[in-house]
Amino acid sequence: MNDFKKLENDILAILAALQDTLDDAETKEVRDFVEPGEYGVAFETLCSILGDKHAQISPTLVDKLTEVGRRMGIDEETWRDVAKQKDVP
């Protein structure tokens, strides 16, 4: 599997894991960037939505967001606020 396909799969897996957190319009907004291969914009949009919602997400998802963001070379500031919103049991 090439790197771009892996990024696409990872972002879509994150979206699937967030199905109870994101509404249909938010999910569609991110998917609309994934489908043409705009993975960076999709990732930044996803992080922005999560930050705006102050969504509590699992530590596992925070780790996945961090891993994907670093792999794409995106500034950590993009997901820093989301990482602070970890849903700690």
Protein backbone atom coordinates (compact mmCIF):
# COMPACT_ATOMS: atom_id res chain seq x y z
CA MET A 1 0.00 0.00 0.00
CA ASN A 2 1.43 3.38 -0.93
CA ASP A 3 1.79 6.23 1.56
CA PHE A 4 -1.13 8.22 0.17
CA LYS A 5 -3.52 5.28 0.33
CA LYS A 6 -2.41 4.65 3.93
CA LEU A 7 -3.09 8.31 4.81
CA GLU A 8 -6.51 8.06 3.21
CA ASN A 9 -7.31 4.86 5.10
CA ASP A 10 -6.07 6.33 8.39
CA ILE A 11 -8.13 9.51 8.05
CA LEU A 12 -11.22 7.51 7.08
CA ALA A 13 -10.66 5.18 10.06
CA ILE A 14 -10.46 8.19 12.38
CA LEU A 15 -13.69 9.52 10.86
CA ALA A 16 -15.38 6.17 11.40
CA ALA A 17 -14.26 6.12 15.02
CA LEU A 18 -15.76 9.58 15.46
CA GLN A 19 -19.17 8.72 14.01
CA ASP A 20 -20.88 9.46 17.34
CA THR A 21 -19.02 12.75 17.72
CA LEU A 22 -19.36 14.29 14.26
CA ASP A 23 -22.62 15.03 12.52
CA ASP A 24 -23.24 14.06 8.89
CA ALA A 25 -22.31 17.50 7.53
CA GLU A 26 -19.00 17.52 9.40
CA THR A 27 -18.16 14.03 8.22
CA LYS A 28 -19.05 14.98 4.64
CA GLU A 29 -16.90 18.11 4.84
CA VAL A 30 -13.83 16.05 5.76
CA ARG A 31 -14.63 13.31 3.22
CA ASP A 32 -14.98 15.95 0.49
CA PHE A 33 -11.27 16.71 1.00
CA VAL A 34 -10.19 13.08 1.36
CA GLU A 35 -11.79 11.90 -1.89
CA PRO A 36 -9.67 14.11 -4.22
CA GLY A 37 -6.53 13.42 -2.16
CA GLU A 38 -6.43 16.66 -0.17
CA TYR A 39 -5.32 14.82 2.97
CA GLY A 40 -3.65 17.77 4.66
CA VAL A 41 -6.75 19.93 4.28
CA ALA A 42 -8.93 17.02 5.43
CA PHE A 43 -6.77 16.54 8.53
CA GLU A 44 -6.71 20.24 9.37
CA THR A 45 -10.48 20.47 8.85
CA LEU A 46 -11.07 17.49 11.11
CA CYS A 47 -8.88 18.94 13.86
CA SER A 48 -10.60 22.31 13.53
CA ILE A 49 -14.04 20.73 13.85
CA LEU A 50 -12.98 18.70 16.90
CA GLY A 51 -11.41 21.76 18.51
CA ASP A 52 -14.46 23.94 17.86
CA LYS A 53 -16.74 21.29 19.38
CA HIS A 54 -14.42 20.78 22.37
CA ALA A 55 -14.99 17.10 21.61
CA GLN A 56 -13.75 14.60 24.15
CA ILE A 57 -11.89 11.89 22.24
CA SER A 58 -10.14 8.77 23.38
CA PRO A 59 -6.41 8.72 24.07
CA THR A 60 -6.10 6.12 21.30
CA LEU A 61 -7.62 8.53 18.77
CA VAL A 62 -5.43 11.37 20.01
CA ASP A 63 -2.41 9.12 19.47
CA LYS A 64 -3.63 8.26 15.96
CA LEU A 65 -4.21 11.93 15.12
CA THR A 66 -0.73 12.74 16.38
CA GLU A 67 0.83 9.93 14.35
CA VAL A 68 -0.99 10.92 11.15
CA GLY A 69 -0.24 14.61 11.63
CA ARG A 70 3.45 13.98 12.18
CA ARG A 71 3.63 11.63 9.22
CA MET A 72 2.19 14.38 7.01
CA GLY A 73 4.54 17.00 8.47
CA ILE A 74 1.69 19.16 9.74
CA ASP A 75 2.44 21.66 12.49
CA GLU A 76 1.62 20.16 15.90
CA GLU A 77 -0.37 23.28 16.76
CA THR A 78 -3.02 21.89 14.39
CA TRP A 79 -3.93 19.06 16.77
CA ARG A 80 -2.54 20.37 20.07
CA ASP A 81 -5.92 21.66 21.29
CA VAL A 82 -7.58 18.39 20.31
CA ALA A 83 -4.94 16.44 22.24
CA LYS A 84 -5.77 18.46 25.35
CA GLN A 85 -9.38 17.26 25.08
CA LYS A 86 -8.53 13.62 25.77
CA ASP A 87 -11.36 11.71 27.33
CA VAL A 88 -9.57 10.39 30.40
CA PRO A 89 -11.49 7.76 32.33
